Amino acid sequence: MAKADRTKETIFNAAMKLFGDTGGECLGVSDLAHAANLSRGTIYNNLDDPSVRFDDLTPILARDLEDLICQSFEGIGHPADRIAIIIKTIIKRAHREPVWADFVKRYVLVDTDLQKFWSNVPASEVRRGQSMGLFENVTDDVSSIISVMGGSTLIGMLYVRQGVKGWRDTGTEIAELVLRSLGMDKAGAHKHARIALPDVTNRMFSMVA
């Protein structure tokens, strides 16, 4: 990653932590510079707008998550595999990137940009599986099943952040539960929930240590 991208990563990570810890709608340059351990000049040099608004940050995070998921789909076509990858990737990220996880936990129920993620890629995979006859419990209105997916994944994030279970077991168990709720038989859900996650680490706003 180029130095400029690493600096932007540091700035956005600091913004995420500040919003996650204290809330608010906008971060000033001084607070952002202090949290990122950077000079005010560095903030000005790396952002078109040196202040960071909450409403500007959440679309970036939603796109980043969607990009990460789509990269993880490479070479994998089965809808059940992809649904398992979505759930397991998010729960793994909650383990590896606690600041990101705490931000999402705080705002996912109230922020439309974070909620829209579930109505895009996950919903399209549910509909694709429905059209292929894989998911018997899915109706034309997938909103209820998407709510189950989102809520179950959020619970998995909480388990991981609280140290109740490891991310691998949690992700696999929740993926299997969701696939069963879609109407997949026990053997199929068990198999697809155990798909291995690809190693996707080349992304701009990762907070992996």
N, C-alpha and C. Protein backbone atom coordinates (compact mmCIF):
# COMPACT_ATOMS: atom_id res chain seq x y z
N MET A 1 0.84 -1.19 0.00
CA MET A 1 0.00 0.00 0.00
C MET A 1 0.88 1.25 0.00
N ALA A 2 0.56 2.22 -0.85
CA ALA A 2 1.34 3.44 -0.94
C ALA A 2 1.22 4.25 0.35
N LYS A 3 2.23 5.13 0.59
CA LYS A 3 2.24 5.91 1.82
C LYS A 3 0.99 6.77 1.96
N ALA A 4 0.55 7.38 0.86
CA ALA A 4 -0.65 8.23 0.92
C ALA A 4 -1.87 7.42 1.32
N ASP A 5 -1.97 6.19 0.80
CA ASP A 5 -3.11 5.34 1.16
C ASP A 5 -3.03 4.91 2.62
N ARG A 6 -1.81 4.64 3.11
CA ARG A 6 -1.67 4.27 4.52
C ARG A 6 -2.07 5.43 5.42
N THR A 7 -1.73 6.64 5.01
CA THR A 7 -2.10 7.82 5.80
C THR A 7 -3.61 7.99 5.83
N LYS A 8 -4.26 7.84 4.68
CA LYS A 8 -5.71 7.94 4.64
C LYS A 8 -6.35 6.84 5.48
N GLU A 9 -5.77 5.65 5.43
CA GLU A 9 -6.28 4.56 6.25
C GLU A 9 -6.22 4.94 7.72
N THR A 10 -5.09 5.51 8.15
CA THR A 10 -4.93 5.93 9.54
C THR A 10 -5.97 6.98 9.93
N ILE A 11 -6.20 7.92 9.04
CA ILE A 11 -7.16 9.00 9.31
C ILE A 11 -8.57 8.44 9.44
N PHE A 12 -8.98 7.60 8.50
CA PHE A 12 -10.33 7.06 8.55
C PHE A 12 -10.52 6.12 9.73
N ASN A 13 -9.48 5.38 10.07
CA ASN A 13 -9.59 4.51 11.24
C ASN A 13 -9.78 5.33 12.51
N ALA A 14 -9.04 6.44 12.61
CA ALA A 14 -9.18 7.32 13.76
C ALA A 14 -10.58 7.93 13.81
N ALA A 15 -11.09 8.33 12.65
CA ALA A 15 -12.45 8.89 12.59
C ALA A 15 -13.47 7.85 13.04
N MET A 16 -13.29 6.61 12.60
CA MET A 16 -14.21 5.56 12.99
C MET A 16 -14.22 5.35 14.50
N LYS A 17 -13.02 5.37 15.08
CA LYS A 17 -12.93 5.17 16.53
C LYS A 17 -13.57 6.33 17.29
N LEU A 18 -13.35 7.55 16.84
CA LEU A 18 -13.94 8.71 17.51
C LEU A 18 -15.46 8.66 17.44
N PHE A 19 -16.00 8.40 16.26
CA PHE A 19 -17.45 8.30 16.13
C PHE A 19 -17.99 7.13 16.95
N GLY A 20 -17.28 6.01 16.94
CA GLY A 20 -17.72 4.86 17.69
C GLY A 20 -17.71 5.08 19.19
N ASP A 21 -16.74 5.86 19.67
CA ASP A 21 -16.61 6.10 21.11
C ASP A 21 -17.53 7.21 21.61
N THR A 22 -17.66 8.28 20.83
CA THR A 22 -18.30 9.48 21.35
C THR A 22 -19.54 9.91 20.57
N GLY A 23 -19.78 9.32 19.39
CA GLY A 23 -20.92 9.75 18.60
C GLY A 23 -20.64 11.08 17.91
N GLY A 24 -21.67 11.86 17.68
CA GLY A 24 -21.50 13.15 17.03
C GLY A 24 -21.77 13.07 15.54
N GLU A 25 -21.72 14.22 14.89
CA GLU A 25 -22.01 14.31 13.47
C GLU A 25 -20.81 14.75 12.65
N CYS A 26 -19.83 15.40 13.28
CA CYS A 26 -18.69 15.92 12.53
C CYS A 26 -17.47 15.98 13.44
N LEU A 27 -16.30 15.67 12.87
CA LEU A 27 -15.05 15.71 13.62
C LEU A 27 -14.20 16.87 13.13
N GLY A 28 -13.66 17.65 14.07
CA GLY A 28 -12.77 18.73 13.72
C GLY A 28 -11.36 18.25 13.43
N VAL A 29 -10.59 19.10 12.79
CA VAL A 29 -9.23 18.73 12.39
C VAL A 29 -8.36 18.41 13.60
N SER A 30 -8.45 19.20 14.65
CA SER A 30 -7.59 18.99 15.82
C SER A 30 -7.87 17.64 16.49
N ASP A 31 -9.16 17.33 16.68
CA ASP A 31 -9.51 16.04 17.30
C ASP A 31 -9.06 14.88 16.43
N LEU A 32 -9.24 15.03 15.12
CA LEU A 32 -8.87 13.96 14.20
C LEU A 32 -7.35 13.77 14.18
N ALA A 33 -6.62 14.88 14.16
CA ALA A 33 -5.16 14.79 14.15
C ALA A 33 -4.65 14.15 15.42
N HIS A 34 -5.24 14.51 16.56
CA HIS A 34 -4.81 13.94 17.84
C HIS A 34 -5.10 12.43 17.87
N ALA A 35 -6.29 12.03 17.44
CA ALA A 35 -6.66 10.62 17.48
C ALA A 35 -5.81 9.79 16.53
N ALA A 36 -5.44 10.38 15.40
CA ALA A 36 -4.64 9.66 14.40
C ALA A 36 -3.14 9.77 14.66
N ASN A 37 -2.77 10.58 15.64
CA ASN A 37 -1.35 10.83 15.94
C ASN A 37 -0.63 11.40 14.72
N LEU A 38 -1.30 12.37 14.07
CA LEU A 38 -0.75 13.04 12.90
C LEU A 38 -0.84 14.55 13.11
N SER A 39 -0.11 15.29 12.33
CA SER A 39 -0.19 16.74 12.42
C SER A 39 -1.43 17.25 11.69
N ARG A 40 -1.85 18.46 12.06
CA ARG A 40 -2.97 19.08 11.36
C ARG A 40 -2.65 19.23 9.88
N GLY A 41 -1.41 19.56 9.57
CA GLY A 41 -1.01 19.72 8.17
C GLY A 41 -1.18 18.44 7.37
N THR A 42 -0.90 17.31 8.00
CA THR A 42 -1.07 16.02 7.32
C THR A 42 -2.54 15.77 7.01
N ILE A 43 -3.39 16.13 7.95
CA ILE A 43 -4.84 15.97 7.71
C ILE A 43 -5.25 16.83 6.52
N TYR A 44 -4.84 18.09 6.51
CA TYR A 44 -5.20 18.98 5.41
C TYR A 44 -4.66 18.47 4.07
N ASN A 45 -3.45 17.90 4.08
CA ASN A 45 -2.82 17.45 2.84
C ASN A 45 -3.44 16.18 2.27
N ASN A 46 -4.14 15.43 3.09
CA ASN A 46 -4.64 14.14 2.64
C ASN A 46 -6.15 14.08 2.45
N LEU A 47 -6.86 15.10 2.89
CA LEU A 47 -8.31 15.11 2.72
C LEU A 47 -8.74 16.36 1.97
N ASP A 48 -9.62 16.18 1.01
CA ASP A 48 -10.16 17.35 0.30
C ASP A 48 -10.91 18.26 1.26
N ASP A 49 -11.65 17.64 2.18
CA ASP A 49 -12.34 18.38 3.23
C ASP A 49 -11.74 17.92 4.55
N PRO A 50 -11.01 18.79 5.25
CA PRO A 50 -10.29 18.36 6.45
C PRO A 50 -11.18 17.92 7.60
N SER A 51 -12.43 18.30 7.61
CA SER A 51 -13.36 17.80 8.62
C SER A 51 -14.00 16.53 8.09
N VAL A 52 -14.32 15.61 8.97
CA VAL A 52 -14.95 14.35 8.56
C VAL A 52 -16.34 14.30 9.16
N ARG A 53 -17.34 14.23 8.30
CA ARG A 53 -18.73 14.13 8.74
C ARG A 53 -19.15 12.67 8.80
N PHE A 54 -19.97 12.37 9.77
CA PHE A 54 -20.47 11.00 9.92
C PHE A 54 -21.15 10.54 8.63
N ASP A 55 -21.93 11.40 8.03
CA ASP A 55 -22.67 11.04 6.82
C ASP A 55 -21.75 10.79 5.62
N ASP A 56 -20.50 11.28 5.70
CA ASP A 56 -19.53 11.01 4.65
C ASP A 56 -18.80 9.69 4.89
N LEU A 57 -18.67 9.32 6.15
CA LEU A 57 -17.90 8.13 6.50
C LEU A 57 -18.65 6.84 6.25
N THR A 58 -19.93 6.79 6.61
CA THR A 58 -20.65 5.52 6.51
C THR A 58 -20.79 4.99 5.08
N PRO A 59 -20.98 5.84 4.06
CA PRO A 59 -21.01 5.27 2.70
C PRO A 59 -19.67 4.65 2.31
N ILE A 60 -18.57 5.25 2.77
CA ILE A 60 -17.25 4.70 2.47
C ILE A 60 -17.10 3.32 3.11
N LEU A 61 -17.54 3.20 4.35
CA LEU A 61 -17.43 1.92 5.05
C LEU A 61 -18.32 0.86 4.40
N ALA A 62 -19.51 1.25 3.98
CA ALA A 62 -20.41 0.30 3.32
C ALA A 62 -19.82 -0.17 2.00
N ARG A 63 -19.24 0.74 1.22
CA ARG A 63 -18.62 0.35 -0.05
C ARG A 63 -17.40 -0.53 0.19
N ASP A 64 -16.63 -0.19 1.23
CA ASP A 64 -15.44 -0.98 1.56
C ASP A 64 -15.83 -2.42 1.89
N LEU A 65 -16.89 -2.59 2.68
CA LEU A 65 -17.33 -3.93 3.05
C LEU A 65 -17.84 -4.68 1.81
N GLU A 66 -18.59 -3.99 0.96
CA GLU A 66 -19.10 -4.64 -0.24
C GLU A 66 -17.95 -5.04 -1.17
N ASP A 67 -16.94 -4.18 -1.29
CA ASP A 67 -15.77 -4.52 -2.11
C ASP A 67 -15.04 -5.74 -1.56
N LEU A 68 -14.89 -5.78 -0.24
CA LEU A 68 -14.23 -6.92 0.40
C LEU A 68 -14.99 -8.21 0.12
N ILE A 69 -16.32 -8.17 0.25
CA ILE A 69 -17.13 -9.35 0.01
C ILE A 69 -17.02 -9.79 -1.45
N CYS A 70 -17.10 -8.84 -2.36
CA CYS A 70 -17.04 -9.18 -3.79
C CYS A 70 -15.68 -9.76 -4.17
N GLN A 71 -14.60 -9.26 -3.58
CA GLN A 71 -13.29 -9.85 -3.80
C GLN A 71 -13.26 -11.29 -3.29
N SER A 72 -13.93 -11.54 -2.18
CA SER A 72 -13.95 -12.88 -1.60
C SER A 72 -14.75 -13.87 -2.44
N PHE A 73 -15.63 -13.35 -3.31
CA PHE A 73 -16.46 -14.21 -4.16
C PHE A 73 -15.69 -14.76 -5.37
N GLU A 74 -14.51 -14.26 -5.64
CA GLU A 74 -13.81 -14.63 -6.87
C GLU A 74 -13.65 -16.15 -6.97
N GLY A 75 -14.14 -16.71 -8.06
CA GLY A 75 -14.03 -18.15 -8.29
C GLY A 75 -15.09 -18.97 -7.57
N ILE A 76 -16.00 -18.32 -6.85
CA ILE A 76 -17.04 -19.03 -6.09
C ILE A 76 -18.40 -18.59 -6.60
N GLY A 77 -19.19 -19.53 -7.10
CA GLY A 77 -20.44 -19.16 -7.74
C GLY A 77 -21.70 -19.60 -7.03
N HIS A 78 -21.62 -20.59 -6.15
CA HIS A 78 -22.83 -21.12 -5.53
C HIS A 78 -23.39 -20.12 -4.53
N PRO A 79 -24.70 -19.79 -4.61
CA PRO A 79 -25.28 -18.80 -3.69
C PRO A 79 -25.11 -19.16 -2.22
N ALA A 80 -25.23 -20.43 -1.87
CA ALA A 80 -25.07 -20.82 -0.47
C ALA A 80 -23.64 -20.59 0.02
N ASP A 81 -22.67 -20.88 -0.84
CA ASP A 81 -21.28 -20.60 -0.50
C ASP A 81 -21.08 -19.10 -0.29
N ARG A 82 -21.66 -18.32 -1.17
CA ARG A 82 -21.48 -16.87 -1.08
C ARG A 82 -22.15 -16.29 0.17
N ILE A 83 -23.31 -16.80 0.53
CA ILE A 83 -23.98 -16.34 1.74
C ILE A 83 -23.13 -16.68 2.96
N ALA A 84 -22.58 -17.88 2.98
CA ALA A 84 -21.70 -18.27 4.08
C ALA A 84 -20.47 -17.37 4.14
N ILE A 85 -19.92 -17.04 2.99
CA ILE A 85 -18.74 -16.16 2.94
C ILE A 85 -19.08 -14.78 3.49
N ILE A 86 -20.24 -14.24 3.13
CA ILE A 86 -20.65 -12.93 3.65
C ILE A 86 -20.65 -12.93 5.17
N ILE A 87 -21.34 -13.91 5.74
CA ILE A 87 -21.48 -13.97 7.19
C ILE A 87 -20.14 -14.19 7.87
N LYS A 88 -19.38 -15.14 7.38
CA LYS A 88 -18.11 -15.49 8.01
C LYS A 88 -17.06 -14.39 7.86
N THR A 89 -17.08 -13.70 6.71
CA THR A 89 -16.14 -12.61 6.51
C THR A 89 -16.40 -11.46 7.48
N ILE A 90 -17.67 -11.12 7.67
CA ILE A 90 -18.02 -10.03 8.59
C ILE A 90 -17.63 -10.39 10.02
N ILE A 91 -17.89 -11.63 10.42
CA ILE A 91 -17.57 -12.04 11.78
C ILE A 91 -16.06 -12.14 11.97
N LYS A 92 -15.35 -12.60 10.95
CA LYS A 92 -13.88 -12.61 11.03
C LYS A 92 -13.35 -11.19 11.16
N ARG A 93 -13.93 -10.28 10.41
CA ARG A 93 -13.46 -8.90 10.46
C ARG A 93 -13.72 -8.28 11.83
N ALA A 94 -14.82 -8.66 12.45
CA ALA A 94 -15.11 -8.17 13.80
C ALA A 94 -14.02 -8.61 14.77
N HIS A 95 -13.49 -9.80 14.55
CA HIS A 95 -12.40 -10.30 15.40
C HIS A 95 -11.10 -9.56 15.13
N ARG A 96 -10.78 -9.36 13.87
CA ARG A 96 -9.48 -8.80 13.51
C ARG A 96 -9.46 -7.27 13.60
N GLU A 97 -10.62 -6.63 13.50
CA GLU A 97 -10.68 -5.18 13.44
C GLU A 97 -11.71 -4.66 14.45
N PRO A 98 -11.35 -4.64 15.72
CA PRO A 98 -12.32 -4.30 16.77
C PRO A 98 -12.89 -2.90 16.66
N VAL A 99 -12.12 -1.94 16.20
CA VAL A 99 -12.65 -0.57 16.06
C VAL A 99 -13.76 -0.56 15.01
N TRP A 100 -13.53 -1.22 13.90
CA TRP A 100 -14.57 -1.34 12.87
C TRP A 100 -15.80 -2.02 13.43
N ALA A 101 -15.59 -3.11 14.17
CA ALA A 101 -16.71 -3.86 14.73
C ALA A 101 -17.52 -3.01 15.70
N ASP A 102 -16.85 -2.26 16.55
CA ASP A 102 -17.56 -1.45 17.54
C ASP A 102 -18.35 -0.33 16.86
N PHE A 103 -17.79 0.21 15.78
CA PHE A 103 -18.51 1.25 15.03
C PHE A 103 -19.77 0.66 14.41
N VAL A 104 -19.63 -0.48 13.75
CA VAL A 104 -20.78 -1.11 13.10
C VAL A 104 -21.85 -1.47 14.13
N LYS A 105 -21.45 -2.06 15.24
CA LYS A 105 -22.41 -2.44 16.28
C LYS A 105 -23.21 -1.24 16.76
N ARG A 106 -22.54 -0.10 16.87
CA ARG A 106 -23.22 1.09 17.40
C ARG A 106 -24.21 1.68 16.41
N TYR A 107 -23.89 1.59 15.11
CA TYR A 107 -24.67 2.36 14.15
C TYR A 107 -25.47 1.54 13.14
N VAL A 108 -25.27 0.23 13.06
CA VAL A 108 -25.91 -0.52 11.98
C VAL A 108 -27.43 -0.49 12.07
N LEU A 109 -27.99 -0.36 13.27
CA LEU A 109 -29.44 -0.36 13.40
C LEU A 109 -30.08 0.99 13.10
N VAL A 110 -29.25 2.02 12.98
CA VAL A 110 -29.82 3.36 12.76
C VAL A 110 -29.32 4.03 11.49
N ASP A 111 -28.27 3.51 10.88
CA ASP A 111 -27.71 4.17 9.71
C ASP A 111 -28.15 3.48 8.42
N THR A 112 -28.71 4.24 7.51
CA THR A 112 -29.27 3.65 6.28
C THR A 112 -28.18 3.12 5.36
N ASP A 113 -27.01 3.76 5.32
CA ASP A 113 -25.95 3.28 4.44
C ASP A 113 -25.47 1.89 4.85
N LEU A 114 -25.30 1.67 6.15
CA LEU A 114 -24.88 0.36 6.63
C LEU A 114 -25.99 -0.68 6.42
N GLN A 115 -27.23 -0.25 6.55
CA GLN A 115 -28.34 -1.18 6.34
C GLN A 115 -28.49 -1.56 4.87
N LYS A 116 -28.17 -0.63 3.98
CA LYS A 116 -28.32 -0.89 2.55
C LYS A 116 -27.41 -2.01 2.07
N PHE A 117 -26.28 -2.22 2.77
CA PHE A 117 -25.40 -3.31 2.39
C PHE A 117 -26.17 -4.62 2.29
N TRP A 118 -27.04 -4.89 3.26
CA TRP A 118 -27.76 -6.16 3.30
C TRP A 118 -28.78 -6.27 2.18
N SER A 119 -29.28 -5.17 1.72
CA SER A 119 -30.27 -5.21 0.64
C SER A 119 -29.62 -5.28 -0.74
N ASN A 120 -28.29 -5.22 -0.79
CA ASN A 120 -27.58 -5.30 -2.07
C ASN A 120 -27.06 -6.72 -2.30
N VAL A 121 -25.80 -6.95 -1.97
CA VAL A 121 -25.18 -8.24 -2.28
C VAL A 121 -25.86 -9.42 -1.60
N PRO A 122 -26.07 -9.40 -0.27
CA PRO A 122 -26.72 -10.56 0.35
C PRO A 122 -28.10 -10.86 -0.23
N ALA A 123 -28.90 -9.83 -0.43
CA ALA A 123 -30.25 -10.04 -0.96
C ALA A 123 -30.20 -10.63 -2.37
N SER A 124 -29.24 -10.18 -3.17
CA SER A 124 -29.15 -10.70 -4.54
C SER A 124 -28.78 -12.17 -4.54
N GLU A 125 -27.94 -12.60 -3.58
CA GLU A 125 -27.59 -14.02 -3.51
C GLU A 125 -28.76 -14.86 -3.02
N VAL A 126 -29.56 -14.32 -2.12
CA VAL A 126 -30.76 -15.03 -1.68
C VAL A 126 -31.72 -15.20 -2.86
N ARG A 127 -31.94 -14.15 -3.62
CA ARG A 127 -32.84 -14.23 -4.76
C ARG A 127 -32.31 -15.20 -5.82
N ARG A 128 -31.00 -15.19 -6.02
CA ARG A 128 -30.42 -16.10 -7.01
C ARG A 128 -30.60 -17.55 -6.57
N GLY A 129 -30.39 -17.80 -5.27
CA GLY A 129 -30.61 -19.15 -4.76
C GLY A 129 -32.07 -19.57 -4.86
N GLN A 130 -32.95 -18.61 -4.64
CA GLN A 130 -34.39 -18.89 -4.77
C GLN A 130 -34.73 -19.29 -6.21
N SER A 131 -34.19 -18.54 -7.16
CA SER A 131 -34.49 -18.83 -8.56
C SER A 131 -33.92 -20.18 -9.01
N MET A 132 -32.88 -20.65 -8.32
CA MET A 132 -32.28 -21.95 -8.63
C MET A 132 -32.95 -23.10 -7.88
N GLY A 133 -33.95 -22.78 -7.04
CA GLY A 133 -34.65 -23.80 -6.29
C GLY A 133 -33.89 -24.33 -5.09
N LEU A 134 -32.92 -23.55 -4.60
CA LEU A 134 -32.09 -24.00 -3.48
C LEU A 134 -32.70 -23.66 -2.13
N PHE A 135 -33.48 -22.57 -2.07
CA PHE A 135 -33.99 -22.07 -0.80
C PHE A 135 -35.51 -22.15 -0.80
N GLU A 136 -36.06 -23.10 -0.09
CA GLU A 136 -37.50 -23.36 -0.12
C GLU A 136 -38.30 -22.35 0.70
N ASN A 137 -37.67 -21.69 1.66
CA ASN A 137 -38.42 -20.83 2.57
C ASN A 137 -38.45 -19.36 2.15
N VAL A 138 -37.90 -19.05 0.98
CA VAL A 138 -37.80 -17.66 0.55
C VAL A 138 -39.00 -17.30 -0.32
N THR A 139 -39.67 -16.22 0.03
CA THR A 139 -40.77 -15.70 -0.76
C THR A 139 -40.26 -14.56 -1.64
N ASP A 140 -41.16 -13.96 -2.38
CA ASP A 140 -40.76 -12.83 -3.24
C ASP A 140 -40.23 -11.66 -2.41
N ASP A 141 -40.73 -11.50 -1.19
CA ASP A 141 -40.25 -10.45 -0.30
C ASP A 141 -39.15 -11.04 0.59
N VAL A 142 -37.91 -10.66 0.30
CA VAL A 142 -36.77 -11.25 1.03
C VAL A 142 -36.38 -10.42 2.25
N SER A 143 -37.13 -9.37 2.54
CA SER A 143 -36.72 -8.46 3.61
C SER A 143 -36.64 -9.16 4.96
N SER A 144 -37.57 -10.08 5.23
CA SER A 144 -37.56 -10.76 6.53
C SER A 144 -36.34 -11.65 6.67
N ILE A 145 -35.98 -12.38 5.61
CA ILE A 145 -34.83 -13.26 5.70
C ILE A 145 -33.53 -12.46 5.76
N ILE A 146 -33.50 -11.30 5.11
CA ILE A 146 -32.33 -10.43 5.20
C ILE A 146 -32.19 -9.90 6.62
N SER A 147 -33.30 -9.63 7.27
CA SER A 147 -33.25 -9.20 8.67
C SER A 147 -32.69 -10.30 9.55
N VAL A 148 -33.07 -11.55 9.27
CA VAL A 148 -32.52 -12.69 10.02
C VAL A 148 -31.02 -12.80 9.80
N MET A 149 -30.58 -12.65 8.56
CA MET A 149 -29.14 -12.72 8.25
C MET A 149 -28.38 -11.63 8.98
N GLY A 150 -28.88 -10.40 8.87
CA GLY A 150 -28.20 -9.27 9.50
C GLY A 150 -28.17 -9.38 11.01
N GLY A 151 -29.32 -9.74 11.59
CA GLY A 151 -29.38 -9.86 13.04
C GLY A 151 -28.51 -10.98 13.57
N SER A 152 -28.50 -12.12 12.89
CA SER A 152 -27.68 -13.24 13.32
C SER A 152 -26.20 -12.91 13.21
N THR A 153 -25.83 -12.22 12.15
CA THR A 153 -24.43 -11.84 11.98
C THR A 153 -24.01 -10.85 13.05
N LEU A 154 -24.89 -9.92 13.39
CA LEU A 154 -24.59 -8.96 14.45
C LEU A 154 -24.38 -9.68 15.78
N ILE A 155 -25.22 -10.66 16.08
CA ILE A 155 -25.05 -11.44 17.30
C ILE A 155 -23.69 -12.16 17.29
N GLY A 156 -23.32 -12.69 16.12
CA GLY A 156 -22.02 -13.33 16.00
C GLY A 156 -20.89 -12.37 16.26
N MET A 157 -21.00 -11.14 15.78
CA MET A 157 -19.99 -10.13 16.05
C MET A 157 -19.88 -9.86 17.55
N LEU A 158 -21.02 -9.80 18.22
CA LEU A 158 -21.03 -9.55 19.66
C LEU A 158 -20.35 -10.70 20.41
N TYR A 159 -20.65 -11.93 20.02
CA TYR A 159 -20.02 -13.09 20.65
C TYR A 159 -18.50 -13.01 20.52
N VAL A 160 -18.05 -12.68 19.33
CA VAL A 160 -16.61 -12.63 19.09
C VAL A 160 -15.97 -11.50 19.88
N ARG A 161 -16.60 -10.34 19.88
CA ARG A 161 -16.02 -9.20 20.59
C ARG A 161 -16.01 -9.42 22.10
N GLN A 162 -16.97 -10.19 22.61
CA GLN A 162 -17.04 -10.47 24.04
C GLN A 162 -16.22 -11.69 24.43
N GLY A 163 -15.62 -12.35 23.46
CA GLY A 163 -14.81 -13.51 23.74
C GLY A 163 -15.60 -14.76 24.08
N VAL A 164 -16.88 -14.79 23.72
CA VAL A 164 -17.71 -15.96 24.01
C VAL A 164 -17.27 -17.16 23.18
N LYS A 165 -16.97 -16.90 21.90
CA LYS A 165 -16.51 -17.95 20.98
C LYS A 165 -15.53 -17.34 20.00
N GLY A 166 -14.76 -18.21 19.36
CA GLY A 166 -13.86 -17.77 18.30
C GLY A 166 -14.62 -17.46 17.02
N TRP A 167 -14.00 -16.69 16.14
CA TRP A 167 -14.70 -16.25 14.94
C TRP A 167 -14.99 -17.41 13.99
N ARG A 168 -14.11 -18.40 13.93
CA ARG A 168 -14.33 -19.52 13.01
C ARG A 168 -15.58 -20.30 13.38
N ASP A 169 -15.66 -20.74 14.63
CA ASP A 169 -16.82 -21.51 15.07
C ASP A 169 -18.09 -20.68 14.99
N THR A 170 -18.01 -19.43 15.42
CA THR A 170 -19.19 -18.56 15.40
C THR A 170 -19.68 -18.34 13.98
N GLY A 171 -18.77 -18.01 13.09
CA GLY A 171 -19.15 -17.76 11.70
C GLY A 171 -19.76 -18.97 11.04
N THR A 172 -19.17 -20.12 11.27
CA THR A 172 -19.68 -21.35 10.66
C THR A 172 -21.05 -21.71 11.20
N GLU A 173 -21.22 -21.61 12.51
CA GLU A 173 -22.50 -21.96 13.12
C GLU A 173 -23.62 -21.03 12.65
N ILE A 174 -23.33 -19.74 12.57
CA ILE A 174 -24.36 -18.80 12.14
C ILE A 174 -24.66 -18.96 10.65
N ALA A 175 -23.64 -19.20 9.85
CA ALA A 175 -23.87 -19.45 8.42
C ALA A 175 -24.76 -20.66 8.22
N GLU A 176 -24.51 -21.72 8.98
CA GLU A 176 -25.34 -22.92 8.86
C GLU A 176 -26.78 -22.64 9.31
N LEU A 177 -26.94 -21.89 10.39
CA LEU A 177 -28.27 -21.54 10.88
C LEU A 177 -29.04 -20.74 9.83
N VAL A 178 -28.37 -19.77 9.21
CA VAL A 178 -29.04 -18.94 8.20
C VAL A 178 -29.42 -19.78 6.99
N LEU A 179 -28.54 -20.65 6.54
CA LEU A 179 -28.85 -21.49 5.38
C LEU A 179 -30.02 -22.42 5.68
N ARG A 180 -30.09 -22.93 6.90
CA ARG A 180 -31.24 -23.76 7.28
C ARG A 180 -32.52 -22.93 7.28
N SER A 181 -32.42 -21.68 7.76
CA SER A 181 -33.61 -20.83 7.79
C SER A 181 -34.09 -20.48 6.38
N LEU A 182 -33.18 -20.52 5.41
CA LEU A 182 -33.56 -20.30 4.02
C LEU A 182 -34.29 -21.50 3.43
N GLY A 183 -34.21 -22.65 4.10
CA GLY A 183 -34.88 -23.84 3.62
C GLY A 183 -33.94 -24.90 3.07
N MET A 184 -32.63 -24.69 3.22
CA MET A 184 -31.67 -25.69 2.76
C MET A 184 -31.66 -26.86 3.73
N ASP A 185 -31.51 -28.07 3.20
CA ASP A 185 -31.50 -29.24 4.06
C ASP A 185 -30.25 -29.25 4.95
N LYS A 186 -30.32 -30.05 6.02
CA LYS A 186 -29.27 -30.03 7.04
C LYS A 186 -27.89 -30.36 6.46
N ALA A 187 -27.83 -31.37 5.62
CA ALA A 187 -26.53 -31.77 5.06
C ALA A 187 -25.95 -30.68 4.17
N GLY A 188 -26.80 -30.08 3.34
CA GLY A 188 -26.33 -29.02 2.46
C GLY A 188 -25.87 -27.79 3.22
N ALA A 189 -26.66 -27.39 4.22
CA ALA A 189 -26.28 -26.22 5.02
C ALA A 189 -24.98 -26.48 5.76
N HIS A 190 -24.82 -27.69 6.29
CA HIS A 190 -23.59 -28.05 7.00
C HIS A 190 -22.39 -27.95 6.07
N LYS A 191 -22.53 -28.45 4.87
CA LYS A 191 -21.42 -28.45 3.90
C LYS A 191 -21.06 -27.03 3.48
N HIS A 192 -22.04 -26.26 3.05
CA HIS A 192 -21.74 -24.93 2.51
C HIS A 192 -21.27 -23.96 3.59
N ALA A 193 -21.72 -24.14 4.83
CA ALA A 193 -21.30 -23.25 5.91
C ALA A 193 -19.82 -23.40 6.23
N ARG A 194 -19.23 -24.49 5.80
CA ARG A 194 -17.83 -24.76 6.12
C ARG A 194 -16.86 -24.40 5.00
N ILE A 195 -17.33 -23.63 4.04
CA ILE A 195 -16.44 -23.20 2.98
C ILE A 195 -15.30 -22.36 3.56
N ALA A 196 -14.10 -22.59 3.06
CA ALA A 196 -12.95 -21.84 3.54
C ALA A 196 -12.98 -20.41 3.01
N LEU A 197 -12.59 -19.47 3.84
CA LEU A 197 -12.55 -18.07 3.41
C LEU A 197 -11.25 -17.80 2.65
N PRO A 198 -11.34 -17.09 1.53
CA PRO A 198 -10.13 -16.69 0.82
C PRO A 198 -9.38 -15.64 1.62
N ASP A 199 -8.09 -15.53 1.37
CA ASP A 199 -7.27 -14.53 2.06
C ASP A 199 -7.31 -13.24 1.25
N VAL A 200 -8.17 -12.33 1.65
CA VAL A 200 -8.31 -11.04 0.96
C VAL A 200 -7.86 -9.95 1.93
N THR A 201 -6.68 -9.42 1.73
CA THR A 201 -6.15 -8.42 2.65
C THR A 201 -5.80 -7.11 1.97
N ASN A 202 -5.88 -7.04 0.64
CA ASN A 202 -5.46 -5.85 -0.07
C ASN A 202 -6.63 -4.89 -0.24
N ARG A 203 -6.93 -4.13 0.81
CA ARG A 203 -7.99 -3.16 0.76
C ARG A 203 -7.58 -1.92 1.53
N MET A 204 -8.18 -0.81 1.21
CA MET A 204 -7.64 0.47 1.65
C MET A 204 -7.87 0.77 3.13
N PHE A 205 -9.04 0.49 3.65
CA PHE A 205 -9.35 0.95 4.99
C PHE A 205 -9.33 -0.17 6.03
N SER A 206 -8.59 -1.23 5.75
CA SER A 206 -8.46 -2.30 6.72
C SER A 206 -7.78 -1.81 7.98
N MET A 207 -8.18 -2.37 9.13
CA MET A 207 -7.53 -2.04 10.38
C MET A 207 -6.80 -3.25 10.95
N VAL A 208 -6.42 -4.16 10.08
CA VAL A 208 -5.69 -5.35 10.53
C VAL A 208 -4.33 -4.93 11.07
N ALA A 209 -3.99 -5.44 12.26
CA ALA A 209 -2.70 -5.11 12.86
C ALA A 209 -1.58 -5.77 12.08
